[in-house]
Amino acid sequence: MEEPTRIIAIRHGETAWNVDTRIQGHLDIPLNDTGRRQAGQLAAALGEEPVSAIYASDLSRAWETAQAVGRTTGAPVHAAPALRERGFGIFEGKTFAEVETALPAQALRWRRRDPDFEPEGGESLRRFRTRVTQAAHGLAARHPGQLIALVAHGGVLDVLYRDATGLDLQAPRTWALGNAAINRLLWTPSGLMLVGWADTQHLRSSGALDETTT
């Protein structure tokens, strides 16, 4: 019987656009000072973990967070573009309020979590889920019996939580997606299982536990 893969799933540290509730999607927005501090606190918290490999979205906010963890754990960091945030197309660069004002009909479908709604130039939730779950399962399958880290984005973490708990794409979210929180999953060929979620003890001195999902 194949040994399970342990996964630490991480959302990147804070960015200025998180603070402004501005939708990042595939735009390459760097960490702000708080985000860099969070990445350092996260890295220190994971320094003694036996991480075999780190797979990170190639967007700089996730990549920089992953590099910090790589420095303390000694684990190699690999780019995994399939772990990018959902593509939001014409929504990217706008605040939530601006989308509501400029594109009210589309904003309503987004707010209702319509699984087939695609912002112009973006991805539907259904396509996004397929991309993320295929990537996560494929990466985990490479490391039976080992511990890996996946460093990505709020939307990615949301998909992984739903996959591990069997929740539908349209189910209301009741769980946190904090920047640089530690979330633990277990993978077997049967799928993902939830072990622990939203551990932010290492961030208590940062004063920034943002939970927006871009």
N, C-alpha and C. Protein backbone atom coordinates (compact mmCIF):
# COMPACT_ATOMS: atom_id res chain seq x y z
N MET A 1 0.85 -1.20 0.00
CA MET A 1 0.00 0.00 0.00
C MET A 1 0.88 1.25 0.00
N GLU A 2 0.56 2.16 -0.89
CA GLU A 2 1.38 3.36 -1.02
C GLU A 2 1.20 4.28 0.20
N GLU A 3 2.32 4.79 0.69
CA GLU A 3 2.26 5.70 1.85
C GLU A 3 1.65 7.04 1.43
N PRO A 4 0.91 7.69 2.34
CA PRO A 4 0.31 8.99 1.99
C PRO A 4 1.37 10.08 1.88
N THR A 5 1.04 11.11 1.16
CA THR A 5 1.87 12.31 1.06
C THR A 5 1.27 13.37 1.98
N ARG A 6 2.11 13.93 2.83
CA ARG A 6 1.66 15.04 3.68
C ARG A 6 1.90 16.36 2.94
N ILE A 7 0.96 17.24 3.04
CA ILE A 7 1.01 18.52 2.31
C ILE A 7 0.82 19.67 3.27
N ILE A 8 1.70 20.67 3.16
CA ILE A 8 1.46 21.97 3.80
C ILE A 8 1.05 22.92 2.67
N ALA A 9 -0.18 23.39 2.72
CA ALA A 9 -0.70 24.31 1.69
C ALA A 9 -0.68 25.73 2.24
N ILE A 10 -0.10 26.63 1.46
CA ILE A 10 0.18 27.98 1.96
C ILE A 10 -0.29 29.03 0.96
N ARG A 11 -0.98 30.03 1.46
CA ARG A 11 -1.26 31.21 0.65
C ARG A 11 -0.11 32.19 0.83
N HIS A 12 0.26 32.88 -0.24
CA HIS A 12 1.34 33.87 -0.19
C HIS A 12 1.13 34.92 0.90
N GLY A 13 2.19 35.62 1.24
CA GLY A 13 2.09 36.74 2.16
C GLY A 13 1.30 37.90 1.57
N GLU A 14 1.05 38.86 2.39
CA GLU A 14 0.20 40.00 2.00
C GLU A 14 0.82 40.86 0.90
N THR A 15 -0.04 41.41 0.05
CA THR A 15 0.36 42.41 -0.95
C THR A 15 -0.44 43.68 -0.72
N ALA A 16 0.02 44.77 -1.33
CA ALA A 16 -0.72 46.04 -1.23
C ALA A 16 -2.11 45.89 -1.82
N TRP A 17 -2.25 45.06 -2.83
CA TRP A 17 -3.56 44.89 -3.46
C TRP A 17 -4.50 44.08 -2.58
N ASN A 18 -3.98 43.19 -1.74
CA ASN A 18 -4.84 42.54 -0.75
C ASN A 18 -5.46 43.58 0.17
N VAL A 19 -4.64 44.51 0.61
CA VAL A 19 -5.11 45.55 1.52
C VAL A 19 -6.18 46.41 0.86
N ASP A 20 -6.01 46.69 -0.44
CA ASP A 20 -6.96 47.52 -1.18
C ASP A 20 -8.15 46.75 -1.72
N THR A 21 -8.24 45.45 -1.44
CA THR A 21 -9.25 44.55 -2.01
C THR A 21 -9.28 44.66 -3.54
N ARG A 22 -8.08 44.73 -4.12
CA ARG A 22 -7.96 44.83 -5.58
C ARG A 22 -7.64 43.44 -6.13
N ILE A 23 -8.31 43.08 -7.18
CA ILE A 23 -8.25 41.71 -7.71
C ILE A 23 -6.96 41.51 -8.49
N GLN A 24 -6.17 40.55 -8.07
CA GLN A 24 -4.87 40.33 -8.67
C GLN A 24 -4.90 39.29 -9.78
N GLY A 25 -5.54 38.14 -9.53
CA GLY A 25 -5.59 37.11 -10.54
C GLY A 25 -4.20 36.73 -11.02
N HIS A 26 -3.97 36.84 -12.34
CA HIS A 26 -2.68 36.51 -12.91
C HIS A 26 -1.71 37.68 -12.96
N LEU A 27 -2.13 38.86 -12.50
CA LEU A 27 -1.21 39.99 -12.48
C LEU A 27 -0.13 39.73 -11.42
N ASP A 28 1.09 40.14 -11.74
CA ASP A 28 2.23 39.78 -10.90
C ASP A 28 2.52 40.88 -9.89
N ILE A 29 1.80 40.83 -8.78
CA ILE A 29 1.91 41.85 -7.73
C ILE A 29 2.84 41.32 -6.63
N PRO A 30 3.86 42.10 -6.24
CA PRO A 30 4.81 41.61 -5.23
C PRO A 30 4.26 41.70 -3.81
N LEU A 31 4.94 41.05 -2.91
CA LEU A 31 4.63 41.19 -1.49
C LEU A 31 4.88 42.63 -1.04
N ASN A 32 4.10 43.09 -0.07
CA ASN A 32 4.44 44.35 0.58
C ASN A 32 5.31 44.06 1.80
N ASP A 33 5.62 45.07 2.58
CA ASP A 33 6.52 44.87 3.73
C ASP A 33 5.92 43.88 4.73
N THR A 34 4.61 43.99 4.96
CA THR A 34 3.95 43.05 5.87
C THR A 34 4.05 41.63 5.32
N GLY A 35 3.83 41.49 4.01
CA GLY A 35 3.91 40.17 3.40
C GLY A 35 5.28 39.55 3.51
N ARG A 36 6.32 40.37 3.36
CA ARG A 36 7.68 39.83 3.50
C ARG A 36 7.94 39.41 4.95
N ARG A 37 7.42 40.18 5.89
CA ARG A 37 7.58 39.80 7.29
C ARG A 37 6.81 38.49 7.56
N GLN A 38 5.61 38.38 7.02
CA GLN A 38 4.84 37.15 7.18
C GLN A 38 5.58 35.95 6.60
N ALA A 39 6.18 36.15 5.42
CA ALA A 39 6.93 35.06 4.80
C ALA A 39 8.08 34.61 5.69
N GLY A 40 8.74 35.58 6.33
CA GLY A 40 9.82 35.25 7.25
C GLY A 40 9.32 34.51 8.48
N GLN A 41 8.18 34.93 9.01
CA GLN A 41 7.61 34.26 10.18
C GLN A 41 7.17 32.84 9.83
N LEU A 42 6.57 32.69 8.67
CA LEU A 42 6.18 31.37 8.18
C LEU A 42 7.40 30.47 8.04
N ALA A 43 8.44 31.01 7.41
CA ALA A 43 9.65 30.23 7.19
C ALA A 43 10.26 29.77 8.51
N ALA A 44 10.28 30.66 9.49
CA ALA A 44 10.83 30.30 10.80
C ALA A 44 10.00 29.19 11.44
N ALA A 45 8.67 29.27 11.29
CA ALA A 45 7.79 28.27 11.89
C ALA A 45 7.97 26.89 11.26
N LEU A 46 8.35 26.87 9.98
CA LEU A 46 8.49 25.59 9.27
C LEU A 46 9.94 25.11 9.19
N GLY A 47 10.84 25.83 9.82
CA GLY A 47 12.27 25.54 9.68
C GLY A 47 12.68 24.14 10.07
N GLU A 48 11.96 23.53 11.01
CA GLU A 48 12.32 22.18 11.46
C GLU A 48 11.48 21.09 10.79
N GLU A 49 10.61 21.48 9.88
CA GLU A 49 9.77 20.49 9.20
C GLU A 49 10.58 19.76 8.12
N PRO A 50 10.40 18.46 7.96
CA PRO A 50 11.18 17.69 6.98
C PRO A 50 10.59 17.81 5.57
N VAL A 51 10.57 19.01 5.06
CA VAL A 51 9.96 19.25 3.74
C VAL A 51 10.89 18.73 2.64
N SER A 52 10.37 17.88 1.78
CA SER A 52 11.17 17.30 0.69
C SER A 52 11.22 18.20 -0.53
N ALA A 53 10.13 18.91 -0.81
CA ALA A 53 10.07 19.76 -2.00
C ALA A 53 9.00 20.82 -1.80
N ILE A 54 9.21 21.96 -2.42
CA ILE A 54 8.25 23.05 -2.39
C ILE A 54 7.85 23.34 -3.83
N TYR A 55 6.55 23.38 -4.09
CA TYR A 55 6.03 23.73 -5.40
C TYR A 55 5.25 25.03 -5.26
N ALA A 56 5.59 26.00 -6.10
CA ALA A 56 5.00 27.33 -5.94
C ALA A 56 4.49 27.88 -7.25
N SER A 57 3.40 28.60 -7.17
CA SER A 57 2.97 29.44 -8.29
C SER A 57 4.14 30.31 -8.71
N ASP A 58 4.24 30.55 -10.02
CA ASP A 58 5.36 31.37 -10.50
C ASP A 58 5.11 32.86 -10.40
N LEU A 59 3.96 33.27 -9.86
CA LEU A 59 3.72 34.69 -9.62
C LEU A 59 4.54 35.12 -8.40
N SER A 60 5.12 36.31 -8.45
CA SER A 60 6.15 36.69 -7.48
C SER A 60 5.68 36.67 -6.04
N ARG A 61 4.42 36.97 -5.78
CA ARG A 61 3.96 36.98 -4.39
C ARG A 61 4.03 35.59 -3.77
N ALA A 62 3.74 34.56 -4.57
CA ALA A 62 3.86 33.19 -4.08
C ALA A 62 5.31 32.70 -4.13
N TRP A 63 6.00 33.06 -5.20
CA TRP A 63 7.38 32.60 -5.38
C TRP A 63 8.28 33.12 -4.27
N GLU A 64 8.12 34.40 -3.92
CA GLU A 64 8.95 34.98 -2.85
C GLU A 64 8.64 34.32 -1.51
N THR A 65 7.37 34.04 -1.26
CA THR A 65 6.98 33.35 -0.03
C THR A 65 7.62 31.96 0.02
N ALA A 66 7.57 31.25 -1.11
CA ALA A 66 8.16 29.91 -1.18
C ALA A 66 9.67 29.93 -0.99
N GLN A 67 10.33 30.93 -1.56
CA GLN A 67 11.78 31.03 -1.43
C GLN A 67 12.18 31.19 0.03
N ALA A 68 11.39 31.95 0.80
CA ALA A 68 11.69 32.12 2.23
C ALA A 68 11.61 30.78 2.95
N VAL A 69 10.59 29.99 2.63
CA VAL A 69 10.46 28.67 3.25
C VAL A 69 11.59 27.74 2.80
N GLY A 70 11.97 27.84 1.54
CA GLY A 70 13.07 27.03 1.04
C GLY A 70 14.38 27.31 1.77
N ARG A 71 14.60 28.55 2.12
CA ARG A 71 15.86 28.91 2.79
C ARG A 71 15.95 28.28 4.17
N THR A 72 14.85 28.19 4.90
CA THR A 72 14.91 27.65 6.26
C THR A 72 14.82 26.13 6.28
N THR A 73 14.10 25.55 5.34
CA THR A 73 13.92 24.09 5.35
C THR A 73 14.99 23.38 4.53
N GLY A 74 15.65 24.11 3.62
CA GLY A 74 16.61 23.50 2.73
C GLY A 74 15.99 22.75 1.57
N ALA A 75 14.66 22.83 1.43
CA ALA A 75 13.96 22.11 0.36
C ALA A 75 14.06 22.88 -0.95
N PRO A 76 14.21 22.18 -2.08
CA PRO A 76 14.22 22.86 -3.37
C PRO A 76 12.85 23.45 -3.70
N VAL A 77 12.86 24.60 -4.38
CA VAL A 77 11.62 25.26 -4.78
C VAL A 77 11.44 25.12 -6.28
N HIS A 78 10.29 24.58 -6.69
CA HIS A 78 10.01 24.35 -8.09
C HIS A 78 8.82 25.22 -8.53
N ALA A 79 8.93 25.82 -9.70
CA ALA A 79 7.82 26.62 -10.24
C ALA A 79 6.72 25.69 -10.73
N ALA A 80 5.49 25.99 -10.35
CA ALA A 80 4.32 25.23 -10.78
C ALA A 80 3.25 26.21 -11.24
N PRO A 81 3.31 26.64 -12.51
CA PRO A 81 2.35 27.62 -13.01
C PRO A 81 0.89 27.19 -12.84
N ALA A 82 0.63 25.89 -12.76
CA ALA A 82 -0.74 25.41 -12.59
C ALA A 82 -1.31 25.77 -11.21
N LEU A 83 -0.44 26.23 -10.30
CA LEU A 83 -0.90 26.67 -8.98
C LEU A 83 -1.18 28.17 -8.94
N ARG A 84 -1.20 28.82 -10.11
CA ARG A 84 -1.55 30.25 -10.14
C ARG A 84 -2.99 30.46 -9.67
N GLU A 85 -3.25 31.70 -9.26
CA GLU A 85 -4.61 32.11 -8.91
C GLU A 85 -5.53 31.95 -10.11
N ARG A 86 -6.81 31.94 -9.86
CA ARG A 86 -7.80 31.95 -10.95
C ARG A 86 -7.57 33.17 -11.83
N GLY A 87 -7.67 32.98 -13.13
CA GLY A 87 -7.60 34.11 -14.05
C GLY A 87 -8.92 34.87 -14.03
N PHE A 88 -8.86 36.15 -13.67
CA PHE A 88 -10.08 36.95 -13.56
C PHE A 88 -10.30 37.89 -14.75
N GLY A 89 -9.45 37.80 -15.77
CA GLY A 89 -9.67 38.58 -16.98
C GLY A 89 -9.88 40.06 -16.72
N ILE A 90 -11.01 40.59 -17.21
CA ILE A 90 -11.26 42.03 -17.13
C ILE A 90 -11.49 42.51 -15.70
N PHE A 91 -11.66 41.60 -14.75
CA PHE A 91 -11.80 42.01 -13.36
C PHE A 91 -10.45 42.41 -12.75
N GLU A 92 -9.37 41.91 -13.31
CA GLU A 92 -8.06 42.12 -12.70
C GLU A 92 -7.68 43.59 -12.69
N GLY A 93 -7.16 44.03 -11.56
CA GLY A 93 -6.79 45.43 -11.38
C GLY A 93 -7.89 46.28 -10.77
N LYS A 94 -9.10 45.74 -10.70
CA LYS A 94 -10.23 46.47 -10.12
C LYS A 94 -10.45 46.03 -8.68
N THR A 95 -11.02 46.92 -7.89
CA THR A 95 -11.45 46.53 -6.55
C THR A 95 -12.79 45.82 -6.67
N PHE A 96 -13.19 45.13 -5.60
CA PHE A 96 -14.49 44.48 -5.60
C PHE A 96 -15.60 45.51 -5.86
N ALA A 97 -15.48 46.68 -5.22
CA ALA A 97 -16.49 47.72 -5.39
C ALA A 97 -16.55 48.22 -6.82
N GLU A 98 -15.41 48.35 -7.46
CA GLU A 98 -15.38 48.81 -8.85
C GLU A 98 -16.02 47.80 -9.80
N VAL A 99 -15.83 46.53 -9.54
CA VAL A 99 -16.48 45.50 -10.36
C VAL A 99 -17.99 45.59 -10.18
N GLU A 100 -18.45 45.75 -8.95
CA GLU A 100 -19.88 45.86 -8.68
C GLU A 100 -20.49 47.05 -9.43
N THR A 101 -19.76 48.15 -9.49
CA THR A 101 -20.28 49.36 -10.12
C THR A 101 -20.24 49.26 -11.65
N ALA A 102 -19.12 48.79 -12.17
CA ALA A 102 -18.93 48.80 -13.63
C ALA A 102 -19.59 47.62 -14.33
N LEU A 103 -19.66 46.48 -13.64
CA LEU A 103 -20.14 45.25 -14.29
C LEU A 103 -21.12 44.53 -13.36
N PRO A 104 -22.26 45.15 -13.05
CA PRO A 104 -23.14 44.59 -12.02
C PRO A 104 -23.68 43.20 -12.34
N ALA A 105 -24.02 42.94 -13.60
CA ALA A 105 -24.56 41.62 -13.94
C ALA A 105 -23.51 40.54 -13.76
N GLN A 106 -22.28 40.84 -14.22
CA GLN A 106 -21.19 39.87 -14.05
C GLN A 106 -20.82 39.72 -12.58
N ALA A 107 -20.85 40.84 -11.85
CA ALA A 107 -20.52 40.79 -10.43
C ALA A 107 -21.50 39.89 -9.67
N LEU A 108 -22.76 39.91 -10.07
CA LEU A 108 -23.77 39.09 -9.41
C LEU A 108 -23.48 37.60 -9.63
N ARG A 109 -23.12 37.24 -10.86
CA ARG A 109 -22.80 35.83 -11.15
C ARG A 109 -21.55 35.40 -10.38
N TRP A 110 -20.61 36.30 -10.27
CA TRP A 110 -19.39 36.02 -9.50
C TRP A 110 -19.73 35.82 -8.03
N ARG A 111 -20.52 36.75 -7.48
CA ARG A 111 -20.87 36.69 -6.07
C ARG A 111 -21.65 35.41 -5.74
N ARG A 112 -22.44 34.95 -6.68
CA ARG A 112 -23.23 33.73 -6.48
C ARG A 112 -22.43 32.47 -6.74
N ARG A 113 -21.16 32.64 -7.10
CA ARG A 113 -20.26 31.52 -7.35
C ARG A 113 -20.80 30.61 -8.47
N ASP A 114 -21.30 31.24 -9.51
CA ASP A 114 -21.76 30.50 -10.69
C ASP A 114 -20.56 29.72 -11.24
N PRO A 115 -20.59 28.38 -11.21
CA PRO A 115 -19.40 27.61 -11.58
C PRO A 115 -19.00 27.73 -13.04
N ASP A 116 -19.92 28.16 -13.89
CA ASP A 116 -19.62 28.26 -15.32
C ASP A 116 -19.39 29.70 -15.80
N PHE A 117 -19.45 30.65 -14.88
CA PHE A 117 -19.23 32.04 -15.26
C PHE A 117 -17.75 32.32 -15.49
N GLU A 118 -17.44 32.89 -16.64
CA GLU A 118 -16.07 33.28 -16.96
C GLU A 118 -16.01 34.78 -17.20
N PRO A 119 -15.31 35.54 -16.34
CA PRO A 119 -15.07 36.94 -16.68
C PRO A 119 -14.35 36.99 -18.03
N GLU A 120 -14.64 37.99 -18.81
CA GLU A 120 -14.00 38.08 -20.14
C GLU A 120 -12.49 37.96 -20.00
N GLY A 121 -11.89 36.99 -20.70
CA GLY A 121 -10.46 36.77 -20.62
C GLY A 121 -10.02 35.95 -19.43
N GLY A 122 -10.97 35.46 -18.63
CA GLY A 122 -10.63 34.72 -17.42
C GLY A 122 -11.09 33.29 -17.44
N GLU A 123 -11.14 32.66 -16.26
CA GLU A 123 -11.50 31.26 -16.11
C GLU A 123 -12.79 31.11 -15.33
N SER A 124 -13.55 30.08 -15.65
CA SER A 124 -14.69 29.73 -14.81
C SER A 124 -14.17 29.01 -13.57
N LEU A 125 -15.01 28.99 -12.54
CA LEU A 125 -14.66 28.24 -11.33
C LEU A 125 -14.46 26.77 -11.64
N ARG A 126 -15.28 26.25 -12.54
CA ARG A 126 -15.17 24.83 -12.86
C ARG A 126 -13.82 24.50 -13.51
N ARG A 127 -13.41 25.33 -14.48
CA ARG A 127 -12.11 25.10 -15.14
C ARG A 127 -10.96 25.30 -14.16
N PHE A 128 -11.11 26.31 -13.30
CA PHE A 128 -10.08 26.60 -12.30
C PHE A 128 -9.92 25.42 -11.34
N ARG A 129 -11.04 24.88 -10.87
CA ARG A 129 -10.97 23.72 -9.97
C ARG A 129 -10.25 22.55 -10.63
N THR A 130 -10.57 22.29 -11.88
CA THR A 130 -9.92 21.18 -12.58
C THR A 130 -8.41 21.39 -12.66
N ARG A 131 -8.02 22.60 -13.01
CA ARG A 131 -6.58 22.92 -13.11
C ARG A 131 -5.87 22.69 -11.78
N VAL A 132 -6.44 23.21 -10.72
CA VAL A 132 -5.79 23.15 -9.41
C VAL A 132 -5.76 21.73 -8.87
N THR A 133 -6.87 21.03 -8.93
CA THR A 133 -6.90 19.68 -8.35
C THR A 133 -6.00 18.73 -9.13
N GLN A 134 -5.99 18.84 -10.44
CA GLN A 134 -5.09 17.97 -11.21
C GLN A 134 -3.63 18.24 -10.85
N ALA A 135 -3.29 19.52 -10.69
CA ALA A 135 -1.91 19.86 -10.34
C ALA A 135 -1.56 19.35 -8.94
N ALA A 136 -2.41 19.60 -7.97
CA ALA A 136 -2.12 19.20 -6.59
C ALA A 136 -2.01 17.68 -6.46
N HIS A 137 -2.92 16.95 -7.07
CA HIS A 137 -2.89 15.50 -6.99
C HIS A 137 -1.65 14.94 -7.70
N GLY A 138 -1.33 15.54 -8.84
CA GLY A 138 -0.16 15.08 -9.58
C GLY A 138 1.14 15.31 -8.84
N LEU A 139 1.27 16.47 -8.21
CA LEU A 139 2.48 16.77 -7.45
C LEU A 139 2.58 15.88 -6.22
N ALA A 140 1.48 15.70 -5.52
CA ALA A 140 1.49 14.85 -4.32
C ALA A 140 1.86 13.41 -4.66
N ALA A 141 1.41 12.95 -5.81
CA ALA A 141 1.67 11.56 -6.20
C ALA A 141 3.16 11.29 -6.42
N ARG A 142 3.94 12.34 -6.62
CA ARG A 142 5.39 12.17 -6.81
C ARG A 142 6.13 11.90 -5.50
N HIS A 143 5.46 12.12 -4.35
CA HIS A 143 6.17 12.13 -3.07
C HIS A 143 5.50 11.24 -2.01
N PRO A 144 5.22 9.97 -2.32
CA PRO A 144 4.62 9.12 -1.29
C PRO A 144 5.52 9.00 -0.07
N GLY A 145 4.90 9.13 1.10
CA GLY A 145 5.65 9.02 2.35
C GLY A 145 6.44 10.25 2.72
N GLN A 146 6.33 11.31 1.93
CA GLN A 146 7.10 12.53 2.20
C GLN A 146 6.17 13.71 2.53
N LEU A 147 6.80 14.82 2.91
CA LEU A 147 6.10 16.07 3.18
C LEU A 147 6.48 17.08 2.11
N ILE A 148 5.49 17.68 1.48
CA ILE A 148 5.74 18.73 0.50
C ILE A 148 4.96 19.98 0.88
N ALA A 149 5.38 21.11 0.33
CA ALA A 149 4.65 22.37 0.51
C ALA A 149 4.16 22.86 -0.85
N LEU A 150 2.93 23.33 -0.87
CA LEU A 150 2.35 23.97 -2.05
C LEU A 150 2.09 25.42 -1.68
N VAL A 151 2.73 26.35 -2.39
CA VAL A 151 2.61 27.77 -2.07
C VAL A 151 1.87 28.44 -3.21
N ALA A 152 0.71 29.01 -2.91
CA ALA A 152 -0.15 29.48 -3.98
C ALA A 152 -0.96 30.69 -3.55
N HIS A 153 -2.26 30.66 -3.78
CA HIS A 153 -3.13 31.84 -3.65
C HIS A 153 -4.43 31.46 -2.94
N GLY A 154 -5.18 32.48 -2.56
CA GLY A 154 -6.41 32.24 -1.82
C GLY A 154 -7.39 31.35 -2.56
N GLY A 155 -7.58 31.61 -3.85
CA GLY A 155 -8.50 30.79 -4.63
C GLY A 155 -8.06 29.35 -4.71
N VAL A 156 -6.76 29.14 -4.83
CA VAL A 156 -6.21 27.78 -4.88
C VAL A 156 -6.48 27.06 -3.56
N LEU A 157 -6.23 27.75 -2.46
CA LEU A 157 -6.47 27.15 -1.14
C LEU A 157 -7.95 26.82 -0.95
N ASP A 158 -8.82 27.69 -1.46
CA ASP A 158 -10.25 27.44 -1.38
C ASP A 158 -10.62 26.15 -2.10
N VAL A 159 -10.08 25.95 -3.30
CA VAL A 159 -10.34 24.74 -4.07
C VAL A 159 -9.84 23.50 -3.32
N LEU A 160 -8.64 23.58 -2.75
CA LEU A 160 -8.09 22.43 -2.04
C LEU A 160 -8.92 22.07 -0.82
N TYR A 161 -9.40 23.08 -0.10
CA TYR A 161 -10.24 22.82 1.07
C TYR A 161 -11.53 22.11 0.64
N ARG A 162 -12.15 22.61 -0.42
CA ARG A 162 -13.39 22.00 -0.90
C ARG A 162 -13.14 20.57 -1.38
N ASP A 163 -12.03 20.36 -2.06
CA ASP A 163 -11.71 19.02 -2.55
C ASP A 163 -11.51 18.05 -1.39
N ALA A 164 -10.85 18.51 -0.34
CA ALA A 164 -10.56 17.64 0.81
C ALA A 164 -11.79 17.34 1.66
N THR A 165 -12.77 18.24 1.62
CA THR A 165 -13.96 18.08 2.48
C THR A 165 -15.20 17.69 1.70
N GLY A 166 -15.11 17.62 0.37
CA GLY A 166 -16.25 17.23 -0.44
C GLY A 166 -17.30 18.31 -0.62
N LEU A 167 -16.92 19.54 -0.33
CA LEU A 167 -17.88 20.65 -0.46
C LEU A 167 -18.01 21.10 -1.91
N ASP A 168 -19.22 21.44 -2.29
CA ASP A 168 -19.52 21.90 -3.64
C ASP A 168 -18.88 23.27 -3.90
N LEU A 169 -18.63 23.55 -5.17
CA LEU A 169 -18.07 24.85 -5.55
C LEU A 169 -18.93 26.02 -5.09
N GLN A 170 -20.23 25.82 -5.00
CA GLN A 170 -21.13 26.92 -4.65
C GLN A 170 -21.46 26.99 -3.17
N ALA A 171 -20.94 26.07 -2.39
CA ALA A 171 -21.20 26.10 -0.94
C ALA A 171 -20.59 27.36 -0.33
N PRO A 172 -21.31 28.04 0.57
CA PRO A 172 -20.76 29.23 1.21
C PRO A 172 -19.47 28.91 1.94
N ARG A 173 -18.51 29.82 1.87
CA ARG A 173 -17.25 29.59 2.56
C ARG A 173 -17.38 29.97 4.03
N THR A 174 -16.94 29.06 4.90
CA THR A 174 -16.96 29.31 6.34
C THR A 174 -15.56 29.13 6.94
N TRP A 175 -14.54 29.02 6.09
CA TRP A 175 -13.18 28.77 6.56
C TRP A 175 -12.29 29.93 6.14
N ALA A 176 -11.22 30.13 6.88
CA ALA A 176 -10.30 31.24 6.63
C ALA A 176 -9.30 30.89 5.53
N LEU A 177 -8.85 31.94 4.83
CA LEU A 177 -7.82 31.79 3.79
C LEU A 177 -6.74 32.84 4.03
N GLY A 178 -6.20 32.84 5.22
CA GLY A 178 -5.27 33.89 5.63
C GLY A 178 -3.93 33.84 4.93
N ASN A 179 -3.37 35.02 4.70
CA ASN A 179 -2.02 35.11 4.13
C ASN A 179 -1.02 34.41 5.04
N ALA A 180 -0.20 33.53 4.46
CA ALA A 180 0.91 32.85 5.15
C ALA A 180 0.47 31.97 6.31
N ALA A 181 -0.80 31.58 6.33
CA ALA A 181 -1.26 30.60 7.33
C ALA A 181 -0.76 29.21 6.94
N ILE A 182 -0.70 28.32 7.92
CA ILE A 182 -0.27 26.94 7.69
C ILE A 182 -1.51 26.05 7.64
N ASN A 183 -1.69 25.36 6.51
CA ASN A 183 -2.83 24.47 6.31
C ASN A 183 -2.28 23.09 5.96
N ARG A 184 -2.84 22.06 6.58
CA ARG A 184 -2.27 20.72 6.41
C ARG A 184 -3.30 19.76 5.80
N LEU A 185 -2.83 19.01 4.80
CA LEU A 185 -3.65 18.04 4.09
C LEU A 185 -2.89 16.73 3.99
N LEU A 186 -3.62 15.67 3.73
CA LEU A 186 -3.03 14.36 3.49
C LEU A 186 -3.54 13.86 2.15
N TRP A 187 -2.63 13.37 1.32
CA TRP A 187 -3.03 12.84 0.01
C TRP A 187 -2.76 11.35 -0.07
N THR A 188 -3.72 10.62 -0.58
CA THR A 188 -3.55 9.22 -0.98
C THR A 188 -4.15 9.10 -2.37
N PRO A 189 -3.95 7.98 -3.06
CA PRO A 189 -4.57 7.82 -4.37
C PRO A 189 -6.09 7.97 -4.34
N SER A 190 -6.69 7.87 -3.17
CA SER A 190 -8.15 8.06 -3.05
C SER A 190 -8.54 9.53 -3.01
N GLY A 191 -7.57 10.42 -2.76
CA GLY A 191 -7.88 11.84 -2.72
C GLY A 191 -7.25 12.56 -1.55
N LEU A 192 -7.70 13.79 -1.34
CA LEU A 192 -7.20 14.64 -0.26
C LEU A 192 -8.04 14.49 0.99
N MET A 193 -7.39 14.65 2.14
CA MET A 193 -8.07 14.70 3.43
C MET A 193 -7.57 15.90 4.21
N LEU A 194 -8.46 16.51 4.96
CA LEU A 194 -8.10 17.67 5.77
C LEU A 194 -7.51 17.22 7.09
N VAL A 195 -6.35 17.78 7.45
CA VAL A 195 -5.70 17.46 8.72
C VAL A 195 -5.78 18.64 9.69
N GLY A 196 -5.47 19.83 9.20
CA GLY A 196 -5.53 21.04 10.03
C GLY A 196 -5.61 22.25 9.13
N TRP A 197 -6.23 23.33 9.63
CA TRP A 197 -6.44 24.48 8.74
C TRP A 197 -6.27 25.80 9.50
N ALA A 198 -5.70 26.75 8.78
CA ALA A 198 -5.64 28.15 9.23
C ALA A 198 -4.89 28.35 10.54
N ASP A 199 -3.74 27.69 10.65
CA ASP A 199 -2.86 27.92 11.81
C ASP A 199 -2.10 29.22 11.57
N THR A 200 -2.38 30.22 12.37
CA THR A 200 -1.74 31.53 12.23
C THR A 200 -0.98 31.93 13.49
N GLN A 201 -0.70 30.97 14.37
CA GLN A 201 -0.04 31.30 15.63
C GLN A 201 1.28 32.02 15.38
N HIS A 202 1.99 31.63 14.34
CA HIS A 202 3.30 32.22 14.04
C HIS A 202 3.20 33.66 13.53
N LEU A 203 1.98 34.11 13.20
CA LEU A 203 1.79 35.46 12.64
C LEU A 203 1.22 36.44 13.64
N ARG A 204 1.03 36.04 14.86
CA ARG A 204 0.30 36.88 15.81
C ARG A 204 0.92 38.25 16.02
N SER A 205 2.22 38.35 15.80
CA SER A 205 2.85 39.66 16.00
C SER A 205 2.81 40.53 14.76
N SER A 206 2.30 39.97 13.63
CA SER A 206 2.34 40.75 12.37
C SER A 206 1.21 41.72 12.25
N GLY A 207 0.07 41.41 12.90
CA GLY A 207 -1.06 42.32 12.85
C GLY A 207 -1.76 42.36 11.51
N ALA A 208 -1.51 41.38 10.63
CA ALA A 208 -2.14 41.40 9.31
C ALA A 208 -2.52 39.99 8.92
N LEU A 209 -3.78 39.63 9.14
CA LEU A 209 -4.26 38.30 8.83
C LEU A 209 -5.36 38.43 7.77
N ASP A 210 -5.00 38.89 6.60
CA ASP A 210 -5.97 39.16 5.54
C ASP A 210 -6.57 37.87 5.00
N GLU A 211 -7.86 37.92 4.61
CA GLU A 211 -8.54 36.71 4.15
C GLU A 211 -9.21 36.90 2.80
N THR A 212 -8.88 37.90 2.03
CA THR A 212 -9.42 38.02 0.68
C THR A 212 -8.80 36.95 -0.20
N THR A 213 -9.40 36.68 -1.34
CA THR A 213 -9.01 35.48 -2.10
C THR A 213 -8.48 35.80 -3.49
N THR A 214 -7.50 36.66 -3.58
CA THR A 214 -6.86 36.88 -4.87
C THR A 214 -5.36 36.86 -4.73
